[in-house]
Protein backbone atom coordinates (compact mmCIF):
# COMPACT_ATOMS: atom_id res chain seq x y z
CA MET A 1 19.36 17.39 -68.10
CA LYS A 2 20.60 18.69 -64.78
CA PHE A 3 23.45 21.11 -64.05
CA THR A 4 25.02 21.66 -60.66
CA VAL A 5 27.17 24.70 -59.97
CA ASP A 6 29.13 25.14 -56.73
CA VAL A 7 30.21 28.66 -55.86
CA GLU A 8 32.59 29.45 -53.04
CA CYS A 9 32.36 32.99 -51.76
CA THR A 10 32.04 34.93 -48.55
CA PRO A 11 28.69 36.32 -47.40
CA GLU A 12 29.89 39.83 -48.30
CA GLU A 13 30.79 38.72 -51.83
CA ALA A 14 27.42 37.00 -52.29
CA ARG A 15 25.57 40.06 -50.99
CA THR A 16 27.46 42.34 -53.37
CA PHE A 17 26.94 39.99 -56.32
CA LEU A 18 23.18 39.77 -55.67
CA GLY A 19 22.88 43.52 -55.12
CA LEU A 20 21.65 43.24 -51.54
CA PRO A 21 22.33 46.08 -49.09
CA ASP A 22 24.90 45.79 -46.32
CA VAL A 23 22.82 45.91 -43.13
CA GLN A 24 25.67 45.23 -40.71
CA PRO A 25 26.07 48.91 -39.63
CA MET A 26 22.33 49.13 -38.96
CA GLN A 27 22.41 45.86 -36.98
CA GLU A 28 25.29 47.14 -34.86
CA ALA A 29 23.45 50.41 -34.12
CA MET A 30 20.29 48.52 -33.17
CA MET A 31 22.22 46.15 -30.92
CA ARG A 32 23.79 49.11 -29.12
CA GLN A 33 20.30 50.54 -28.51
CA VAL A 34 18.97 47.18 -27.29
CA GLU A 35 21.96 46.81 -24.97
CA GLU A 36 21.43 50.31 -23.55
CA ARG A 37 17.72 49.66 -22.93
CA MET A 38 18.50 46.36 -21.23
CA LYS A 39 21.02 48.08 -18.96
CA GLN A 40 18.43 50.72 -18.04
CA ALA A 41 15.81 48.05 -17.31
CA LEU A 42 18.23 46.05 -15.18
CA SER A 43 19.16 49.09 -13.12
CA ALA A 44 15.49 49.35 -12.11
CA MET A 45 15.52 45.73 -10.97
CA ASP A 46 17.49 46.20 -7.77
CA PRO A 47 15.53 44.96 -4.73
CA ASP A 48 15.07 48.38 -3.13
CA THR A 49 13.57 49.93 -6.26
CA MET A 50 11.34 46.92 -6.87
CA MET A 51 9.94 47.05 -3.34
CA LYS A 52 9.22 50.78 -3.70
CA ILE A 53 7.34 50.13 -6.95
CA TRP A 54 5.42 47.11 -5.69
CA MET A 55 4.71 48.30 -2.15
CA PRO A 56 4.49 52.10 -2.21
CA ALA A 57 2.69 52.32 1.12
CA GLY A 58 4.50 49.48 2.88
CA ILE A 59 2.23 47.51 5.21
CA GLN A 60 -0.81 49.47 4.11
CA GLY A 61 -0.18 48.32 0.54
CA MET A 62 0.06 44.72 1.79
CA GLU A 63 -3.32 45.01 3.51
CA GLN A 64 -4.90 46.41 0.35
CA MET A 65 -3.44 43.59 -1.71
CA GLN A 66 -4.72 41.01 0.79
CA LYS A 67 -8.23 42.53 0.64
CA MET A 68 -8.13 42.51 -3.16
CA PHE A 69 -7.07 38.83 -3.24
CA TRP A 70 -9.76 37.91 -0.72
CA SER A 71 -12.48 39.70 -2.68
CA GLN A 72 -11.41 37.94 -5.89
CA PHE A 73 -11.32 34.60 -4.09
CA SER A 74 -14.77 35.19 -2.59
CA ALA A 75 -16.18 36.19 -5.97
CA GLY A 76 -15.10 32.82 -7.36
CA PHE A 77 -17.16 30.98 -4.73
CA PRO A 78 -20.60 32.66 -4.52
CA ASN A 79 -21.94 30.09 -2.00
CA SER A 80 -19.25 30.84 0.57
CA LYS A 81 -20.35 33.90 2.57
CA GLU A 82 -18.61 35.25 5.66
CA LYS A 83 -20.59 34.75 8.86
């Protein structure tokens, strides 16, 4: 024997009937925090700030990065020595 019961109710009514907590206020608070953190992160993404972070010494930083890349590249090919 098989019984089928259809219940029409809102999510709030179902939550109350099943005794589940209302987490909507907590979700709203968390979303406000996430939004604030995203805004702070995006403010640090302007081109001027990014260049200052990535290249603190300007051209000198570029030369150091080039040397680092070259040393890593050379380490991958032990048979290729500079002459």
